[in-house]
Structure formats: structure tokens, C-alpha cells
Amino acid sequence: MKRFLLIALCLVATLSNALPNEPFNPGYADFKVTVQGLDTNYKVLALSVMPNETLHIKPEVAVAVVVNGGLLKKTVGHNWDWKAPAKSGLYPISLSTTNGKRMTLNVFVLRPASDIKKGKLDGYRIGVYPDKPFKGLPTYREPKGYIEVNATNKTTFVSPHFTLEQFLCKLPAVNGKKFIVLQTPLLLKLEKILSTVNARGFRTDSFFVMSGYRTPFYNRSIRSSRNSRHIYGGAADIYIDTNPQDGRMDDLNNDAKINRKDAAILYDLIEQLSQQQGWIVGGLGEYEANHAHGPFVHVDARGYRARWGKP
């Protein structure tokens, strides 16, 4: 109880700090679409499909659909099927209602994992995934394919407040390219957390993603867990970096120090949110600063509840 009271007091204090001029915009499209078993009402959302895979798009209202590749077909009711082209790349799908509401599904057709040769994809070090999924869970299966990231598409919005490049592995590009796995449930989780953080008084238009996707090769080089959610594109290490924007966690509790107590405030807000019915279950960890980084919080969408790092 004392801890939650401290959070409330810190929120009031934070509101007095210099904040962005405009109120937070959650980026809703004012209509809902079900796709890949997920519901979204965001104006933009990224999805991944394999070459020639069919995407079933189920809007709750009648929409017009525009694509720039692949095969589009109207099915029953308001529903549409889109068959992805054989060539990998970014293929935006635009949905619009009769009253002018719009949504964009930024669909990435993946480079198949079968293109990997000796642990490399076009020279980029992927490495080797574990032989068997952790605990037999489908969220720990080896990826079937990878998003090819280059100078043209790296700034693509994957949700209203996050771009593709925020989640890139720290390995240097090879011939101007990197490859990434990015799970849509993680994006939905981050957007929900971001909206809640802003509603509680911490004004920020995005999180700083300290670590997103890691190739198994890179993950091993930093001696992280063999089954880290990062290698499956389903995890992000985040912090708030707005006031001031200086590459480290903000002083959320206004004690003139940047330490684990600031990460604890973000952790507790997420934990409270996670207890709501229908929340995407996953991992949550709290980390203090060390010689390599400042305090941060780990979030993931692993499919079961896991908590660690609390003192």
C-alpha cells in the first residue's frame, strides 16, 4: 500500500514538470479489425506473413481495401482475404470506412528461414536457435522467416508510437541490411502500457527500447539466457526518456537521482495493468543500473506469467 501511495505522489509531482505541448494521442482508428487472431483498433499495426500466405482480414464494419501487391478477395460479410506475393518486402494494406476512418496494416512478407546458410542470412549473423521450444510452447518455436530491414523501410511505423528501427539487433548491418523478428502481440502490449503511463501522468510519445530483437548469435555473445524472449522478437527492454531526453531513464520519482526506484515505478504501473482481465500475459522484470546501462524494465509476451528482479 505504501508503495502504491508513493507512485501516486510521484505522478502528481511529475505533472508539474515540462511536458510536450500536445496531449497524448493513443492512435485509435475508431473501428476494429481482427487479423491473425488478434483484435486491433490502432491506425497502424505491423504484421508478418510468409510468402504466398493468406491473411484473413475481419473488420467489424464495411471497409474499402487498397493493396499494392498480392491478391485481394472479398469474402463473406465485411471480410477480406489477401494472399501475399512470393517476393519478400513491405506491403501496406489500407482500410477505410465510408465516413473517412482509416487503418493501415503494414504487412511484412518475410525472408524464409530456409535462406539461412551456415548461420547467416545474406551475410548477416543469425546464429542457431535452440533445438526444441522452451517448455514446448509455440511462442518459443524457431522463426519461419525474417523481416529484411534497410534504409528504405527502417522508419516504418509498426504501431502508432513505435518504428521498426527501435527493435533492431545491435549487430552492424551487412551490405546495408539487417534482419529482425518482431511479434505483433508485443507491439499491442507496448501500446497499451504507453497509453496507461500517459494516463497516469508520465507524458511520453514512446519508450526508449534499449534492447528489442537479438539474433541468437548476438544473444550468446552478451551471455544472455539461451531461451531469451528477445531472440523470438517477443521482448523489449524499455524506459521513459523524455524529460530530459538524454539516453537514460527519467527521474520518475523526482528525487534528483536516476536509479532502480525509477524502474520500480514503471514496473508497478505495468504490474497493475497486467492484472486486468484480458491482458496479454507475459514476463516482467525490473533492473537496476550498472556500468553498461541505466535502470530499465523488461516486458514480453511469452504466453505465461513470469516476474523477476524485485528487491
Foldseek 3Di string as FASTA:
>chain_A
DVLVVLLLVLLVVLLPADFDPDAADLQFLPWWKAKPNDIGRHQEAEDEDAAQDKIKIGTPDAWDKDKDDFDWDDDPDNIIIGTHHNDWDWIWMWIADPVGRIHIYTYTHFDFPVCDDPQDRLNAHQHDADPAADVNDPLRDDDGGWGKDAPVQQQPDNGPQDGNVLAFAPDDDDPRIDIFAADRLLVVQQSVLQVLCSVSRNHDSHWRFPHFAHRCVRCVVVPHDSRDSNPSNFKTWTAHQVSPNDQAHDPSSPPPDFWQSSQVSSQVSSVVVCPDPPRQAWEKEWDIDDPPGHTTMMTGRRRHHDYDHDD
